[in-house]
Amino acid sequence: MKIAVCVSHVPDTETKVKIGSDGRTIDPSGVNYIVNPYDEFAIEEALKIREKDGGEVLAVSLGGDSNKETLRKALAMGADKAVLLKDKDVRDSFAVAKGIAEYLKGYEPDLILVGKQSIDYDNLQVGGLIAEFLGIPSVSVVVKLEIADGKLKAEREIEGAHEFVEASLPCVVSAQRGLNEPRYPSLKGIMQAKKKPIEEVEAAKADSRVKVLAMKKPPEKQPGKIVGEGPEAVPELVRLLHEEAKVI
């Protein structure tokens, strides 16, 4: 079985993000980048399927040279191959998915795994868009996956419940937290990853449909107020909520 895993190169959530001089992107200086956490579930699931049924796991990432760090992590976890679809320009979800889909047309995977969303833009769109471009089924927010006889059975989260679905392969599956517990790269895996080549391919051109006009930090929170204690404080609290906070 040929399994492709799409991985994103995202800022660590602990990084103090600064807005770049253009006012539309973040300043990359001093930012620590990591593998998108949801993509780690996708990588782990691909490795589990390969260990059970055999085959090959290919890690794919679209972006600049810094994305190689993320691909090395995927290789260290156990991916067999890695390819960087090179493009230094910022793309929206549509253009990212288009570039990945164009490459995967030639690879012809039996299964494509992605994280349900990236933690930077949180658009939850790439998996479904890749499936649309390839004309294959897509199952999102998956927390349990079984594959046999060219079909998959998946348990997915929906609002207030779980849904059980079946689909034929090839298929795109978006991994949700709870699907598995991602493994830590072993020292042997890390050393081997340094020696494995990362194929570099120019990403297929695609025009973004969304343009970022401006990026701003949220306003700083105002200091809290203590208006008193006990029932006597209620009238003043209600007045402040009505006149200052304007929430009632």
C-alpha atoms as a PDB file:
ATOM      1  CA  MET A   1       0.000   0.000   0.000  1.00  0.00           C
ATOM      2  CA  LYS A   2       1.248   3.476  -0.916  1.00  0.00           C
ATOM      3  CA  ILE A   3       0.438   6.031   1.768  1.00  0.00           C
ATOM      4  CA  ALA A   4       1.054   9.769   1.427  1.00  0.00           C
ATOM      5  CA  VAL A   5       1.097  11.957   4.524  1.00  0.00           C
ATOM      6  CA  CYS A   6       0.801  15.734   4.150  1.00  0.00           C
ATOM      7  CA  VAL A   7       2.680  17.646   6.833  1.00  0.00           C
ATOM      8  CA  SER A   8       2.651  21.348   7.692  1.00  0.00           C
ATOM      9  CA  HIS A   9       5.520  23.437   9.052  1.00  0.00           C
ATOM     10  CA  VAL A  10       3.923  25.653  11.719  1.00  0.00           C
ATOM     11  CA  PRO A  11       5.035  28.009  14.510  1.00  0.00           C
ATOM     12  CA  ASP A  12       5.257  26.447  17.960  1.00  0.00           C
ATOM     13  CA  THR A  13       2.293  27.533  20.084  1.00  0.00           C
ATOM     14  CA  GLU A  14       4.746  28.654  22.792  1.00  0.00           C
ATOM     15  CA  THR A  15       6.424  31.095  20.382  1.00  0.00           C
ATOM     16  CA  LYS A  16       5.810  34.787  20.948  1.00  0.00           C
ATOM     17  CA  VAL A  17       4.594  35.793  17.507  1.00  0.00           C
ATOM     18  CA  LYS A  18       5.448  39.205  16.053  1.00  0.00           C
ATOM     19  CA  ILE A  19       3.839  40.750  12.992  1.00  0.00           C
ATOM     20  CA  GLY A  20       6.192  41.332  10.076  1.00  0.00           C
ATOM     21  CA  SER A  21       7.046  44.741   8.626  1.00  0.00           C
ATOM     22  CA  ASP A  22       4.564  44.200   5.781  1.00  0.00           C
ATOM     23  CA  GLY A  23       1.680  43.993   8.265  1.00  0.00           C
ATOM     24  CA  ARG A  24       0.313  40.875   6.551  1.00  0.00           C
ATOM     25  CA  THR A  25       2.615  38.036   7.704  1.00  0.00           C
ATOM     26  CA  ILE A  26       4.411  37.033  10.886  1.00  0.00           C
ATOM     27  CA  ASP A  27       8.046  37.916  11.473  1.00  0.00           C
ATOM     28  CA  PRO A  28       9.927  34.578  11.186  1.00  0.00           C
ATOM     29  CA  SER A  29      12.940  35.762  13.199  1.00  0.00           C
ATOM     30  CA  GLY A  30      13.097  33.987  16.538  1.00  0.00           C
ATOM     31  CA  VAL A  31      10.128  31.763  15.723  1.00  0.00           C
ATOM     32  CA  ASN A  32      10.497  28.071  16.537  1.00  0.00           C
ATOM     33  CA  TYR A  33       8.747  25.900  13.940  1.00  0.00           C
ATOM     34  CA  ILE A  34       7.432  22.391  14.547  1.00  0.00           C
ATOM     35  CA  VAL A  35       5.492  19.626  12.833  1.00  0.00           C
ATOM     36  CA  ASN A  36       1.811  20.511  12.938  1.00  0.00           C
ATOM     37  CA  PRO A  37       0.537  18.462  15.941  1.00  0.00           C
ATOM     38  CA  TYR A  38      -2.498  17.086  14.080  1.00  0.00           C
ATOM     39  CA  ASP A  39      -0.175  15.901  11.306  1.00  0.00           C
ATOM     40  CA  GLU A  40       1.695  13.798  13.869  1.00  0.00           C
ATOM     41  CA  PHE A  41      -1.477  11.731  14.291  1.00  0.00           C
ATOM     42  CA  ALA A  42      -1.568  11.311  10.506  1.00  0.00           C
ATOM     43  CA  ILE A  43       2.079  10.198  10.402  1.00  0.00           C
ATOM     44  CA  GLU A  44       1.576   7.723  13.239  1.00  0.00           C
ATOM     45  CA  GLU A  45      -1.501   6.214  11.591  1.00  0.00           C
ATOM     46  CA  ALA A  46       0.380   5.804   8.303  1.00  0.00           C
ATOM     47  CA  LEU A  47       3.208   4.003  10.110  1.00  0.00           C
ATOM     48  CA  LYS A  48       0.767   1.700  11.918  1.00  0.00           C
ATOM     49  CA  ILE A  49      -0.922   0.765   8.645  1.00  0.00           C
ATOM     50  CA  ARG A  50       2.432   0.075   6.988  1.00  0.00           C
ATOM     51  CA  GLU A  51       3.563  -2.085   9.912  1.00  0.00           C
ATOM     52  CA  LYS A  52       0.348  -4.093   9.647  1.00  0.00           C
ATOM     53  CA  ASP A  53      -0.134  -4.348   5.881  1.00  0.00           C
ATOM     54  CA  GLY A  54       3.261  -3.413   4.420  1.00  0.00           C
ATOM     55  CA  GLY A  55       3.851  -0.713   1.829  1.00  0.00           C
ATOM     56  CA  GLU A  56       5.477   2.703   1.731  1.00  0.00           C
ATOM     57  CA  VAL A  57       4.947   5.975   3.602  1.00  0.00           C
ATOM     58  CA  LEU A  58       5.748   9.198   1.764  1.00  0.00           C
ATOM     59  CA  ALA A  59       5.812  12.517   3.657  1.00  0.00           C
ATOM     60  CA  VAL A  60       4.903  15.574   1.568  1.00  0.00           C
ATOM     61  CA  SER A  61       5.207  19.237   2.526  1.00  0.00           C
ATOM     62  CA  LEU A  62       4.731  22.416   0.487  1.00  0.00           C
ATOM     63  CA  GLY A  63       6.791  25.479   1.302  1.00  0.00           C
ATOM     64  CA  GLY A  64      10.331  26.813   1.527  1.00  0.00           C
ATOM     65  CA  ASP A  65      13.601  25.182   2.560  1.00  0.00           C
ATOM     66  CA  SER A  66      12.746  25.464   6.256  1.00  0.00           C
ATOM     67  CA  ASN A  67      10.038  22.828   5.708  1.00  0.00           C
ATOM     68  CA  LYS A  68      12.825  20.274   5.491  1.00  0.00           C
ATOM     69  CA  GLU A  69      12.998  20.360   9.311  1.00  0.00           C
ATOM     70  CA  THR A  70       9.438  19.061   9.450  1.00  0.00           C
ATOM     71  CA  LEU A  71      10.118  16.421   6.805  1.00  0.00           C
ATOM     72  CA  ARG A  72      13.174  15.247   8.791  1.00  0.00           C
ATOM     73  CA  LYS A  73      10.891  14.754  11.803  1.00  0.00           C
ATOM     74  CA  ALA A  74       8.546  12.632   9.694  1.00  0.00           C
ATOM     75  CA  LEU A  75      11.507  10.588   8.461  1.00  0.00           C
ATOM     76  CA  ALA A  76      12.796  10.200  12.018  1.00  0.00           C
ATOM     77  CA  MET A  77       9.402   8.873  13.104  1.00  0.00           C
ATOM     78  CA  GLY A  78       9.659   6.235  10.372  1.00  0.00           C
ATOM     79  CA  ALA A  79       8.478   7.599   7.004  1.00  0.00           C
ATOM     80  CA  ASP A  80      10.252   5.918   4.075  1.00  0.00           C
ATOM     81  CA  LYS A  81      10.561   8.928   1.780  1.00  0.00           C
ATOM     82  CA  ALA A  82      10.032  12.666   1.819  1.00  0.00           C
ATOM     83  CA  VAL A  83       9.382  15.264  -0.854  1.00  0.00           C
ATOM     84  CA  LEU A  84       9.433  19.052  -0.581  1.00  0.00           C
ATOM     85  CA  LEU A  85       7.168  20.877  -3.002  1.00  0.00           C
ATOM     86  CA  LYS A  86       9.122  24.112  -3.178  1.00  0.00           C
ATOM     87  CA  ASP A  87       7.423  27.497  -3.135  1.00  0.00           C
ATOM     88  CA  LYS A  88       8.648  30.435  -1.076  1.00  0.00           C
ATOM     89  CA  ASP A  89       5.421  32.403  -1.551  1.00  0.00           C
ATOM     90  CA  VAL A  90       2.594  32.329   0.977  1.00  0.00           C
ATOM     91  CA  ARG A  91      -0.385  30.269  -0.241  1.00  0.00           C
ATOM     92  CA  ASP A  92      -3.929  29.930   1.016  1.00  0.00           C
ATOM     93  CA  SER A  93      -5.522  26.530   1.632  1.00  0.00           C
ATOM     94  CA  PHE A  94      -6.825  26.293  -1.938  1.00  0.00           C
ATOM     95  CA  ALA A  95      -3.405  26.853  -3.502  1.00  0.00           C
ATOM     96  CA  VAL A  96      -1.638  24.541  -1.011  1.00  0.00           C
ATOM     97  CA  ALA A  97      -4.107  21.736  -1.713  1.00  0.00           C
ATOM     98  CA  LYS A  98      -3.840  22.284  -5.466  1.00  0.00           C
ATOM     99  CA  GLY A  99      -0.045  22.039  -5.397  1.00  0.00           C
ATOM    100  CA  ILE A 100      -0.102  18.856  -3.300  1.00  0.00           C
ATOM    101  CA  ALA A 101      -2.861  17.263  -5.394  1.00  0.00           C
ATOM    102  CA  GLU A 102      -0.990  17.886  -8.643  1.00  0.00           C
ATOM    103  CA  TYR A 103       2.047  16.072  -7.264  1.00  0.00           C
ATOM    104  CA  LEU A 104       0.025  13.182  -5.845  1.00  0.00           C
ATOM    105  CA  LYS A 105      -1.613  12.570  -9.229  1.00  0.00           C
ATOM    106  CA  GLY A 106       1.727  11.183 -10.360  1.00  0.00           C
ATOM    107  CA  TYR A 107       2.413   9.277  -7.138  1.00  0.00           C
ATOM    108  CA  GLU A 108      -1.013   7.592  -7.131  1.00  0.00           C
ATOM    109  CA  PRO A 109      -1.290   6.772  -3.393  1.00  0.00           C
ATOM    110  CA  ASP A 110      -3.842   4.307  -2.058  1.00  0.00           C
ATOM    111  CA  LEU A 111      -4.395   6.467   1.014  1.00  0.00           C
ATOM    112  CA  ILE A 112      -3.721  10.119   1.810  1.00  0.00           C
ATOM    113  CA  LEU A 113      -3.529  11.150   5.468  1.00  0.00           C
ATOM    114  CA  VAL A 114      -3.575  14.734   6.730  1.00  0.00           C
ATOM    115  CA  GLY A 115      -4.088  16.402  10.084  1.00  0.00           C
ATOM    116  CA  LYS A 116      -7.624  17.741  10.458  1.00  0.00           C
ATOM    117  CA  GLN A 117      -6.245  21.303  10.551  1.00  0.00           C
ATOM    118  CA  SER A 118      -3.033  23.270  10.965  1.00  0.00           C
ATOM    119  CA  ILE A 119      -2.631  25.180  14.219  1.00  0.00           C
ATOM    120  CA  ASP A 120      -1.601  28.423  12.499  1.00  0.00           C
ATOM    121  CA  TYR A 121      -4.558  29.279  10.228  1.00  0.00           C
ATOM    122  CA  ASP A 122      -7.052  26.629  11.487  1.00  0.00           C
ATOM    123  CA  ASN A 123      -8.919  26.524   8.168  1.00  0.00           C
ATOM    124  CA  LEU A 124      -9.719  22.759   8.141  1.00  0.00           C
ATOM    125  CA  GLN A 125      -9.805  22.850   4.337  1.00  0.00           C
ATOM    126  CA  VAL A 126      -6.734  21.194   2.817  1.00  0.00           C
ATOM    127  CA  GLY A 127      -7.803  17.556   3.222  1.00  0.00           C
ATOM    128  CA  GLY A 128     -11.198  18.057   1.607  1.00  0.00           C
ATOM    129  CA  LEU A 129      -9.748  20.196  -1.176  1.00  0.00           C
ATOM    130  CA  ILE A 130      -7.105  17.586  -2.050  1.00  0.00           C
ATOM    131  CA  ALA A 131      -9.846  14.962  -2.312  1.00  0.00           C
ATOM    132  CA  GLU A 132     -11.915  17.262  -4.538  1.00  0.00           C
ATOM    133  CA  PHE A 133      -8.987  17.949  -6.876  1.00  0.00           C
ATOM    134  CA  LEU A 134      -8.244  14.222  -7.139  1.00  0.00           C
ATOM    135  CA  GLY A 135     -11.892  13.207  -7.424  1.00  0.00           C
ATOM    136  CA  ILE A 136     -11.750  10.743  -4.529  1.00  0.00           C
ATOM    137  CA  PRO A 137     -13.671  10.360  -1.214  1.00  0.00           C
ATOM    138  CA  SER A 138     -12.722  12.290   1.912  1.00  0.00           C
ATOM    139  CA  VAL A 139     -13.420  11.466   5.571  1.00  0.00           C
ATOM    140  CA  SER A 140     -12.625  14.128   8.173  1.00  0.00           C
ATOM    141  CA  VAL A 141     -12.034  14.332  11.956  1.00  0.00           C
ATOM    142  CA  VAL A 142     -11.350  10.588  12.159  1.00  0.00           C
ATOM    143  CA  VAL A 143     -10.684   9.055  15.597  1.00  0.00           C
ATOM    144  CA  LYS A 144     -10.619   5.386  14.551  1.00  0.00           C
ATOM    145  CA  LEU A 145      -9.608   3.802  11.258  1.00  0.00           C
ATOM    146  CA  GLU A 146      -9.670   0.268   9.854  1.00  0.00           C
ATOM    147  CA  ILE A 147      -8.575  -0.721   6.349  1.00  0.00           C
ATOM    148  CA  ALA A 148      -9.198  -4.033   4.584  1.00  0.00           C
ATOM    149  CA  ASP A 149     -10.003  -5.312   1.082  1.00  0.00           C
ATOM    150  CA  GLY A 150      -9.648  -1.930  -0.604  1.00  0.00           C
ATOM    151  CA  LYS A 151     -12.070  -0.189   1.754  1.00  0.00           C
ATOM    152  CA  LEU A 152     -11.892   1.744   4.987  1.00  0.00           C
ATOM    153  CA  LYS A 153     -14.160   1.967   7.999  1.00  0.00           C
ATOM    154  CA  ALA A 154     -13.836   5.127  10.038  1.00  0.00           C
ATOM    155  CA  GLU A 155     -15.256   6.573  13.215  1.00  0.00           C
ATOM    156  CA  ARG A 156     -15.444  10.353  13.080  1.00  0.00           C
ATOM    157  CA  GLU A 157     -16.464  13.092  15.458  1.00  0.00           C
ATOM    158  CA  ILE A 158     -19.522  15.183  14.684  1.00  0.00           C
ATOM    159  CA  GLU A 159     -21.375  17.724  16.810  1.00  0.00           C
ATOM    160  CA  GLY A 160     -22.489  15.910  19.950  1.00  0.00           C
ATOM    161  CA  ALA A 161     -21.953  12.381  18.597  1.00  0.00           C
ATOM    162  CA  HIS A 162     -19.744   9.961  16.657  1.00  0.00           C
ATOM    163  CA  GLU A 163     -20.449   8.855  13.093  1.00  0.00           C
ATOM    164  CA  PHE A 164     -19.393   5.562  11.482  1.00  0.00           C
ATOM    165  CA  VAL A 165     -18.700   5.592   7.745  1.00  0.00           C
ATOM    166  CA  GLU A 166     -17.255   3.396   5.007  1.00  0.00           C
ATOM    167  CA  ALA A 167     -15.389   4.503   1.901  1.00  0.00           C
ATOM    168  CA  SER A 168     -13.470   2.937  -0.952  1.00  0.00           C
ATOM    169  CA  LEU A 169      -9.782   3.512  -1.584  1.00  0.00           C
ATOM    170  CA  PRO A 170      -8.099   5.720  -2.644  1.00  0.00           C
ATOM    171  CA  CYS A 171      -9.357   8.149  -0.035  1.00  0.00           C
ATOM    172  CA  VAL A 172      -8.256  11.197   1.961  1.00  0.00           C
ATOM    173  CA  VAL A 173      -8.482  10.856   5.753  1.00  0.00           C
ATOM    174  CA  SER A 174      -8.150  13.816   8.126  1.00  0.00           C
ATOM    175  CA  ALA A 175      -6.792  12.763  11.532  1.00  0.00           C
ATOM    176  CA  GLN A 176      -8.299  14.049  14.770  1.00  0.00           C
ATOM    177  CA  ARG A 177      -6.768  13.957  18.242  1.00  0.00           C
ATOM    178  CA  GLY A 178      -7.507  10.543  19.784  1.00  0.00           C
ATOM    179  CA  LEU A 179      -6.839   8.542  16.617  1.00  0.00           C
ATOM    180  CA  ASN A 180      -3.569   7.294  18.158  1.00  0.00           C
ATOM    181  CA  GLU A 181      -0.611   8.278  20.326  1.00  0.00           C
ATOM    182  CA  PRO A 182       2.245   9.519  18.105  1.00  0.00           C
ATOM    183  CA  ARG A 183       5.570   7.833  18.763  1.00  0.00           C
ATOM    184  CA  TYR A 184       8.732   9.677  19.683  1.00  0.00           C
ATOM    185  CA  PRO A 185      11.540   9.414  17.132  1.00  0.00           C
ATOM    186  CA  SER A 186      14.218   6.993  18.319  1.00  0.00           C
ATOM    187  CA  LEU A 187      17.902   7.943  18.300  1.00  0.00           C
ATOM    188  CA  LYS A 188      18.391   5.411  15.498  1.00  0.00           C
ATOM    189  CA  GLY A 189      15.523   6.959  13.554  1.00  0.00           C
ATOM    190  CA  ILE A 190      16.936  10.467  14.001  1.00  0.00           C
ATOM    191  CA  MET A 191      20.365   9.387  12.746  1.00  0.00           C
ATOM    192  CA  GLN A 192      18.874   7.559   9.764  1.00  0.00           C
ATOM    193  CA  ALA A 193      16.699  10.554   8.913  1.00  0.00           C
ATOM    194  CA  LYS A 194      19.798  12.719   8.535  1.00  0.00           C
ATOM    195  CA  LYS A 195      21.056  10.403   5.798  1.00  0.00           C
ATOM    196  CA  LYS A 196      17.799  10.000   3.885  1.00  0.00           C
ATOM    197  CA  PRO A 197      17.484  12.315   0.880  1.00  0.00           C
ATOM    198  CA  ILE A 198      14.599  14.739   0.594  1.00  0.00           C
ATOM    199  CA  GLU A 199      13.389  15.040  -2.978  1.00  0.00           C
ATOM    200  CA  GLU A 200      12.792  18.625  -4.064  1.00  0.00           C
ATOM    201  CA  VAL A 201      10.174  19.425  -6.707  1.00  0.00           C
ATOM    202  CA  GLU A 202       8.866  22.805  -7.818  1.00  0.00           C
ATOM    203  CA  ALA A 203       5.282  23.050  -6.605  1.00  0.00           C
ATOM    204  CA  ALA A 204       2.649  23.326  -9.303  1.00  0.00           C
ATOM    205  CA  LYS A 205       1.476  26.900  -9.734  1.00  0.00           C
ATOM    206  CA  ALA A 206      -1.869  27.806  -8.231  1.00  0.00           C
ATOM    207  CA  ASP A 207      -3.488  31.154  -7.551  1.00  0.00           C
ATOM    208  CA  SER A 208      -4.655  31.801  -4.011  1.00  0.00           C
ATOM    209  CA  ARG A 209      -8.337  32.633  -3.625  1.00  0.00           C
ATOM    210  CA  VAL A 210      -7.882  34.433  -0.296  1.00  0.00           C
ATOM    211  CA  LYS A 211      -5.649  37.466   0.258  1.00  0.00           C
ATOM    212  CA  VAL A 212      -4.578  38.630   3.716  1.00  0.00           C
ATOM    213  CA  LEU A 213      -5.112  42.388   3.855  1.00  0.00           C
ATOM    214  CA  ALA A 214      -3.820  42.973   7.369  1.00  0.00           C
ATOM    215  CA  MET A 215      -2.723  41.095  10.456  1.00  0.00           C
ATOM    216  CA  LYS A 216      -3.195  42.498  13.936  1.00  0.00           C
ATOM    217  CA  LYS A 217      -2.720  41.239  17.453  1.00  0.00           C
ATOM    218  CA  PRO A 218      -5.830  41.092  19.645  1.00  0.00           C
ATOM    219  CA  PRO A 219      -6.191  44.032  22.045  1.00  0.00           C
ATOM    220  CA  GLU A 220      -4.635  43.603  25.452  1.00  0.00           C
ATOM    221  CA  LYS A 221      -7.009  42.535  28.190  1.00  0.00           C
ATOM    222  CA  GLN A 222      -8.031  45.258  30.621  1.00  0.00           C
ATOM    223  CA  PRO A 223      -7.234  44.683  34.301  1.00  0.00           C
ATOM    224  CA  GLY A 224     -10.026  43.155  36.348  1.00  0.00           C
ATOM    225  CA  LYS A 225     -12.065  44.980  38.986  1.00  0.00           C
ATOM    226  CA  ILE A 226     -13.202  43.884  42.425  1.00  0.00           C
ATOM    227  CA  VAL A 227     -16.519  45.592  43.073  1.00  0.00           C
ATOM    228  CA  GLY A 228     -17.154  44.226  46.526  1.00  0.00           C
ATOM    229  CA  GLU A 229     -18.183  41.087  48.344  1.00  0.00           C
ATOM    230  CA  GLY A 230     -21.481  39.305  48.912  1.00  0.00           C
ATOM    231  CA  PRO A 231     -24.970  40.270  47.718  1.00  0.00           C
ATOM    232  CA  GLU A 232     -24.246  43.956  48.270  1.00  0.00           C
ATOM    233  CA  ALA A 233     -21.865  43.951  45.291  1.00  0.00           C
ATOM    234  CA  VAL A 234     -24.508  42.724  42.808  1.00  0.00           C
ATOM    235  CA  PRO A 235     -26.062  46.134  41.881  1.00  0.00           C
ATOM    236  CA  GLU A 236     -22.644  47.633  41.115  1.00  0.00           C
ATOM    237  CA  LEU A 237     -21.626  44.530  39.142  1.00  0.00           C
ATOM    238  CA  VAL A 238     -24.813  44.725  37.076  1.00  0.00           C
ATOM    239  CA  ARG A 239     -24.261  48.442  36.428  1.00  0.00           C
ATOM    240  CA  LEU A 240     -20.697  47.874  35.215  1.00  0.00           C
ATOM    241  CA  LEU A 241     -21.726  44.983  32.966  1.00  0.00           C
ATOM    242  CA  HIS A 242     -24.439  47.198  31.469  1.00  0.00           C
ATOM    243  CA  GLU A 243     -22.659  50.559  31.193  1.00  0.00           C
ATOM    244  CA  GLU A 244     -18.994  49.677  30.740  1.00  0.00           C
ATOM    245  CA  ALA A 245     -18.750  46.124  29.418  1.00  0.00           C
ATOM    246  CA  LYS A 246     -22.072  46.529  27.554  1.00  0.00           C
ATOM    247  CA  VAL A 247     -22.776  42.794  27.671  1.00  0.00           C
ATOM    248  CA  ILE A 248     -26.250  43.087  29.209  1.00  0.00           C
END
